[in-house]
C-alpha atoms as a PDB file:
ATOM      1  CA  MET A   1     -23.187   5.680  17.455  1.00  0.00           C
ATOM      2  CA  VAL A   2     -20.695   3.045  18.591  1.00  0.00           C
ATOM      3  CA  MET A   3     -21.790  -0.505  19.274  1.00  0.00           C
ATOM      4  CA  SER A   4     -19.198  -2.862  20.665  1.00  0.00           C
ATOM      5  CA  HIS A   5     -19.484  -6.576  21.163  1.00  0.00           C
ATOM      6  CA  THR A   6     -17.203  -9.524  21.545  1.00  0.00           C
ATOM      7  CA  GLY A   7     -17.952 -12.586  19.507  1.00  0.00           C
ATOM      8  CA  ALA A   8     -16.014 -15.601  20.754  1.00  0.00           C
ATOM      9  CA  GLY A   9     -13.795 -13.240  22.756  1.00  0.00           C
ATOM     10  CA  ASP A  10     -12.809 -11.103  19.745  1.00  0.00           C
ATOM     11  CA  PRO A  11     -13.542  -7.389  20.208  1.00  0.00           C
ATOM     12  CA  CYS A  12     -15.583  -5.735  17.469  1.00  0.00           C
ATOM     13  CA  PHE A  13     -16.768  -2.132  17.172  1.00  0.00           C
ATOM     14  CA  VAL A  14     -19.519  -1.161  14.739  1.00  0.00           C
ATOM     15  CA  LEU A  15     -19.694   2.564  14.000  1.00  0.00           C
ATOM     16  CA  ARG A  16     -22.750   4.183  12.438  1.00  0.00           C
ATOM     17  CA  PRO A  17     -23.922   7.793  12.268  1.00  0.00           C
ATOM     18  CA  ASP A  18     -26.827   8.796  14.482  1.00  0.00           C
ATOM     19  CA  VAL A  19     -29.859   8.984  12.226  1.00  0.00           C
ATOM     20  CA  CYS A  20     -33.072  10.198  13.793  1.00  0.00           C
ATOM     21  CA  VAL A  21     -35.429   8.744  11.163  1.00  0.00           C
ATOM     22  CA  HIS A  22     -35.408   5.643   9.011  1.00  0.00           C
ATOM     23  CA  TRP A  23     -35.360   5.707   5.226  1.00  0.00           C
ATOM     24  CA  ARG A  24     -39.059   4.859   4.873  1.00  0.00           C
ATOM     25  CA  GLN A  25     -40.001   7.626   7.286  1.00  0.00           C
ATOM     26  CA  SER A  26     -37.867  10.041   5.265  1.00  0.00           C
ATOM     27  CA  LEU A  27     -39.636   8.997   2.070  1.00  0.00           C
ATOM     28  CA  ARG A  28     -43.060   9.469   3.663  1.00  0.00           C
ATOM     29  CA  LEU A  29     -42.066  12.895   4.958  1.00  0.00           C
ATOM     30  CA  GLY A  30     -40.613  13.873   1.578  1.00  0.00           C
ATOM     31  CA  PHE A  31     -43.674  12.791  -0.386  1.00  0.00           C
ATOM     32  CA  ALA A  32     -46.031  14.475   2.096  1.00  0.00           C
ATOM     33  CA  MET A  33     -44.084  17.736   1.919  1.00  0.00           C
ATOM     34  CA  ALA A  34     -43.889  17.525  -1.882  1.00  0.00           C
ATOM     35  CA  ALA A  35     -47.646  16.903  -2.110  1.00  0.00           C
ATOM     36  CA  VAL A  36     -48.397  19.948   0.063  1.00  0.00           C
ATOM     37  CA  CYS A  37     -45.933  22.137  -1.821  1.00  0.00           C
ATOM     38  CA  LEU A  38     -47.120  21.025  -5.268  1.00  0.00           C
ATOM     39  CA  GLY A  39     -50.760  21.329  -4.160  1.00  0.00           C
ATOM     40  CA  ILE A  40     -50.173  24.951  -3.197  1.00  0.00           C
ATOM     41  CA  GLY A  41     -48.317  25.449  -6.485  1.00  0.00           C
ATOM     42  CA  PHE A  42     -51.251  24.027  -8.485  1.00  0.00           C
ATOM     43  CA  ALA A  43     -53.703  26.241  -6.571  1.00  0.00           C
ATOM     44  CA  PHE A  44     -51.695  29.327  -7.463  1.00  0.00           C
ATOM     45  CA  ALA A  45     -51.313  28.108 -11.075  1.00  0.00           C
ATOM     46  CA  LEU A  46     -55.112  27.874 -11.354  1.00  0.00           C
ATOM     47  CA  MET A  47     -55.335  31.499 -10.202  1.00  0.00           C
ATOM     48  CA  GLY A  48     -52.948  32.520 -12.982  1.00  0.00           C
ATOM     49  CA  PHE A  49     -49.678  32.566 -11.055  1.00  0.00           C
ATOM     50  CA  TRP A  50     -48.177  29.660 -12.985  1.00  0.00           C
ATOM     51  CA  PRO A  51     -44.456  30.444 -12.252  1.00  0.00           C
ATOM     52  CA  ILE A  52     -45.055  29.416  -8.643  1.00  0.00           C
ATOM     53  CA  LEU A  53     -45.632  25.832  -9.809  1.00  0.00           C
ATOM     54  CA  ALA A  54     -42.111  25.669 -11.253  1.00  0.00           C
ATOM     55  CA  PHE A  55     -40.623  26.907  -7.962  1.00  0.00           C
ATOM     56  CA  ALA A  56     -42.766  24.441  -5.998  1.00  0.00           C
ATOM     57  CA  GLY A  57     -41.473  21.625  -8.208  1.00  0.00           C
ATOM     58  CA  ALA A  58     -37.867  22.762  -7.761  1.00  0.00           C
ATOM     59  CA  GLU A  59     -38.362  22.965  -3.999  1.00  0.00           C
ATOM     60  CA  SER A  60     -39.830  19.448  -3.929  1.00  0.00           C
ATOM     61  CA  LEU A  61     -36.907  18.081  -5.944  1.00  0.00           C
ATOM     62  CA  ALA A  62     -34.389  19.804  -3.652  1.00  0.00           C
ATOM     63  CA  LEU A  63     -36.125  18.368  -0.570  1.00  0.00           C
ATOM     64  CA  MET A  64     -36.139  14.839  -2.020  1.00  0.00           C
ATOM     65  CA  ALA A  65     -32.464  15.162  -2.991  1.00  0.00           C
ATOM     66  CA  ALA A  66     -31.541  16.305   0.528  1.00  0.00           C
ATOM     67  CA  LEU A  67     -33.480  13.414   2.075  1.00  0.00           C
ATOM     68  CA  TYR A  68     -31.788  10.980  -0.322  1.00  0.00           C
ATOM     69  CA  VAL A  69     -28.303  12.233   0.584  1.00  0.00           C
ATOM     70  CA  SER A  70     -29.148  12.113   4.286  1.00  0.00           C
ATOM     71  CA  GLY A  71     -30.555   8.596   4.009  1.00  0.00           C
ATOM     72  CA  ARG A  72     -27.549   7.426   2.013  1.00  0.00           C
ATOM     73  CA  ARG A  73     -25.117   8.791   4.598  1.00  0.00           C
ATOM     74  CA  GLY A  74     -27.160   7.134   7.307  1.00  0.00           C
ATOM     75  CA  ARG A  75     -26.155   3.752   5.882  1.00  0.00           C
ATOM     76  CA  ASP A  76     -22.424   4.445   6.349  1.00  0.00           C
ATOM     77  CA  THR A  77     -20.869   1.744   8.508  1.00  0.00           C
ATOM     78  CA  GLU A  78     -17.381   1.196   9.834  1.00  0.00           C
ATOM     79  CA  VAL A  79     -16.422  -2.083  11.502  1.00  0.00           C
ATOM     80  CA  VAL A  80     -13.240  -2.406  13.569  1.00  0.00           C
ATOM     81  CA  ARG A  81     -12.454  -6.009  14.441  1.00  0.00           C
ATOM     82  CA  LEU A  82      -9.525  -7.533  16.287  1.00  0.00           C
ATOM     83  CA  ALA A  83      -9.364 -11.243  15.502  1.00  0.00           C
ATOM     84  CA  ALA A  84      -6.743 -13.863  14.709  1.00  0.00           C
ATOM     85  CA  GLY A  85      -3.898 -11.477  15.488  1.00  0.00           C
ATOM     86  CA  GLN A  86      -5.095  -8.952  12.931  1.00  0.00           C
ATOM     87  CA  LEU A  87      -6.777  -5.563  13.195  1.00  0.00           C
ATOM     88  CA  THR A  88      -9.338  -5.283  10.410  1.00  0.00           C
ATOM     89  CA  ILE A  89     -11.111  -2.043   9.495  1.00  0.00           C
ATOM     90  CA  GLU A  90     -13.989  -2.203   7.012  1.00  0.00           C
ATOM     91  CA  LYS A  91     -15.853   0.810   5.644  1.00  0.00           C
ATOM     92  CA  GLY A  92     -18.864   0.965   3.381  1.00  0.00           C
ATOM     93  CA  ARG A  93     -22.527   1.708   2.843  1.00  0.00           C
ATOM     94  CA  GLY A  94     -24.615  -1.279   3.782  1.00  0.00           C
ATOM     95  CA  ARG A  95     -21.736  -3.637   2.960  1.00  0.00           C
ATOM     96  CA  PRO A  96     -17.926  -3.472   3.184  1.00  0.00           C
ATOM     97  CA  GLN A  97     -16.496  -1.510   0.262  1.00  0.00           C
ATOM     98  CA  ARG A  98     -12.962  -0.893   1.561  1.00  0.00           C
ATOM     99  CA  CYS A  99     -10.893  -2.996   3.914  1.00  0.00           C
ATOM    100  CA  TRP A 100      -7.579  -2.435   5.731  1.00  0.00           C
ATOM    101  CA  ARG A 101      -5.624  -5.012   7.707  1.00  0.00           C
ATOM    102  CA  PHE A 102      -2.939  -4.128  10.255  1.00  0.00           C
ATOM    103  CA  GLN A 103      -0.751  -5.925  12.757  1.00  0.00           C
ATOM    104  CA  PRO A 104      -2.234  -4.786  16.082  1.00  0.00           C
ATOM    105  CA  ALA A 105       1.100  -4.794  17.928  1.00  0.00           C
ATOM    106  CA  TRP A 106       2.609  -2.361  15.404  1.00  0.00           C
ATOM    107  CA  SER A 107      -0.437  -0.157  14.987  1.00  0.00           C
ATOM    108  CA  GLU A 108      -1.066   3.117  16.733  1.00  0.00           C
ATOM    109  CA  VAL A 109      -4.351   4.780  17.652  1.00  0.00           C
ATOM    110  CA  LEU A 110      -4.163   8.582  17.521  1.00  0.00           C
ATOM    111  CA  LEU A 111      -6.761  11.104  18.600  1.00  0.00           C
ATOM    112  CA  GLN A 112      -5.743  14.396  16.997  1.00  0.00           C
ATOM    113  CA  GLY A 113      -7.340  17.503  18.393  1.00  0.00           C
ATOM    114  CA  SER A 114      -8.286  20.318  16.078  1.00  0.00           C
ATOM    115  CA  GLY A 115      -6.837  23.786  16.303  1.00  0.00           C
ATOM    116  CA  HIS A 116     -10.242  25.346  16.920  1.00  0.00           C
ATOM    117  CA  PRO A 117     -13.179  24.270  19.113  1.00  0.00           C
ATOM    118  CA  TRP A 118     -15.565  24.495  16.161  1.00  0.00           C
ATOM    119  CA  TYR A 119     -13.807  21.681  14.335  1.00  0.00           C
ATOM    120  CA  PRO A 120     -13.970  18.063  15.479  1.00  0.00           C
ATOM    121  CA  SER A 121     -11.048  15.917  16.499  1.00  0.00           C
ATOM    122  CA  ARG A 122      -9.831  13.095  14.241  1.00  0.00           C
ATOM    123  CA  LEU A 123      -9.400   9.465  15.252  1.00  0.00           C
ATOM    124  CA  LEU A 124      -6.713   7.710  13.219  1.00  0.00           C
ATOM    125  CA  VAL A 125      -5.265   4.221  13.147  1.00  0.00           C
ATOM    126  CA  ARG A 126      -1.845   4.096  11.544  1.00  0.00           C
ATOM    127  CA  SER A 127       0.653   1.402  10.796  1.00  0.00           C
ATOM    128  CA  ALA A 128       3.390   0.805   8.236  1.00  0.00           C
ATOM    129  CA  GLY A 129       2.854   4.126   6.500  1.00  0.00           C
ATOM    130  CA  GLN A 130      -0.920   3.785   6.178  1.00  0.00           C
ATOM    131  CA  ARG A 131      -3.502   5.915   7.996  1.00  0.00           C
ATOM    132  CA  VAL A 132      -7.221   5.269   8.307  1.00  0.00           C
ATOM    133  CA  GLU A 133      -9.629   7.763   9.852  1.00  0.00           C
ATOM    134  CA  LEU A 134     -12.373   6.272  11.981  1.00  0.00           C
ATOM    135  CA  GLY A 135     -15.707   7.705  13.032  1.00  0.00           C
ATOM    136  CA  ALA A 136     -15.668  11.011  11.179  1.00  0.00           C
ATOM    137  CA  PHE A 137     -19.430  11.113  11.806  1.00  0.00           C
ATOM    138  CA  LEU A 138     -19.127  10.532  15.579  1.00  0.00           C
ATOM    139  CA  ASN A 139     -19.294  13.325  18.127  1.00  0.00           C
ATOM    140  CA  ASP A 140     -16.158  14.152  20.150  1.00  0.00           C
ATOM    141  CA  ALA A 141     -17.254  12.242  23.278  1.00  0.00           C
ATOM    142  CA  GLU A 142     -17.924   9.063  21.277  1.00  0.00           C
ATOM    143  CA  ARG A 143     -14.630   9.494  19.427  1.00  0.00           C
ATOM    144  CA  ARG A 144     -12.681   9.867  22.708  1.00  0.00           C
ATOM    145  CA  SER A 145     -14.392   6.813  24.203  1.00  0.00           C
ATOM    146  CA  LEU A 146     -13.628   4.723  21.118  1.00  0.00           C
ATOM    147  CA  ALA A 147     -10.010   5.928  21.113  1.00  0.00           C
ATOM    148  CA  ARG A 148      -9.553   4.843  24.744  1.00  0.00           C
ATOM    149  CA  ALA A 149     -11.071   1.417  24.030  1.00  0.00           C
ATOM    150  CA  LEU A 150      -8.897   0.892  20.949  1.00  0.00           C
ATOM    151  CA  GLN A 151      -5.731   2.110  22.693  1.00  0.00           C
ATOM    152  CA  ARG A 152      -6.209  -0.603  25.329  1.00  0.00           C
ATOM    153  CA  LEU A 153      -6.326  -3.251  22.581  1.00  0.00           C
ATOM    154  CA  VAL A 154      -3.923  -1.995  19.923  1.00  0.00           C
ATOM    155  CA  GLY A 155      -0.352  -0.885  19.703  1.00  0.00           C
ATOM    156  CA  PRO A 156       1.924  -1.915  22.562  1.00  0.00           C
ATOM    157  CA  MET A 157       4.972  -1.857  20.259  1.00  0.00           C
ATOM    158  CA  ALA A 158       3.939   1.397  18.610  1.00  0.00           C
ATOM    159  CA  ARG A 159       3.722   3.045  22.035  1.00  0.00           C
ATOM    160  CA  LEU A 160       7.366   2.095  22.617  1.00  0.00           C
ATOM    161  CA  GLY A 161       8.333   4.388  19.742  1.00  0.00           C
ATOM    162  CA  GLY A 162       8.381   2.224  16.627  1.00  0.00           C
ATOM    163  CA  GLY A 163       5.266   3.624  14.965  1.00  0.00           C
ATOM    164  CA  GLY A 164       5.151   0.633  12.617  1.00  0.00           C
ATOM    165  CA  GLU A 165       8.705   0.802  11.284  1.00  0.00           C
ATOM    166  CA  ALA A 166      11.649   0.052  13.553  1.00  0.00           C
ATOM    167  CA  PRO A 167      14.620   2.339  12.837  1.00  0.00           C
ATOM    168  CA  LEU A 168      17.988   0.729  12.309  1.00  0.00           C
ATOM    169  CA  PRO A 169      20.521   1.363  15.081  1.00  0.00           C
ATOM    170  CA  THR A 170      23.262   3.767  13.973  1.00  0.00           C
ATOM    171  CA  ASP A 171      26.132   2.147  15.865  1.00  0.00           C
ATOM    172  CA  THR A 172      26.044  -1.280  14.170  1.00  0.00           C
ATOM    173  CA  LYS A 173      28.139  -2.351  11.233  1.00  0.00           C
ATOM    174  CA  GLN A 174      26.618  -3.523   7.985  1.00  0.00           C
ATOM    175  CA  VAL A 175      26.971  -7.168   7.009  1.00  0.00           C
ATOM    176  CA  GLY A 176      30.306  -7.693   5.349  1.00  0.00           C
ATOM    177  CA  ASP A 177      32.142  -4.839   7.093  1.00  0.00           C
ATOM    178  CA  GLY A 178      35.370  -5.733   8.818  1.00  0.00           C
ATOM    179  CA  LEU A 179      35.383  -9.416   7.867  1.00  0.00           C
ATOM    180  CA  GLY A 180      38.637 -10.857   6.919  1.00  0.00           C
END
């Protein structure tokens, strides 16, 4: 999910994965499923089939672990902000944990297609030898839309062929050559 807003004229994109349920709903579902599963396991244990209780417990633990991982990934956030002549990308869970800063004029936004339709495309921002992937959790349509929006804001010099590092012309003399 991509949310964009402009605060005081500065564009900002907040990227979050689409999560169908909230963490509390996941916990309720997990505990309800664990209660049913363990209840059935206890019923079978009372009838003498005690190994079923161990499998019911393992199943409940696996379900809770899967819900935990899903809920944790649901808190992933990426913020792309263009302010004060700087492109800032922050990534983290609930709060910024990593931050990159680029010069927007020398940055380039790339949307790399995959070699196979089963695999998603990749959205990259690169500048001065650094690359940052954005929106790995977005679907292809959201990734394309974000790429178009970012390409309108970032990289006029990179599109001219610099890519962040301007090559030296080959026909110029070095300083100190031919003096004297």
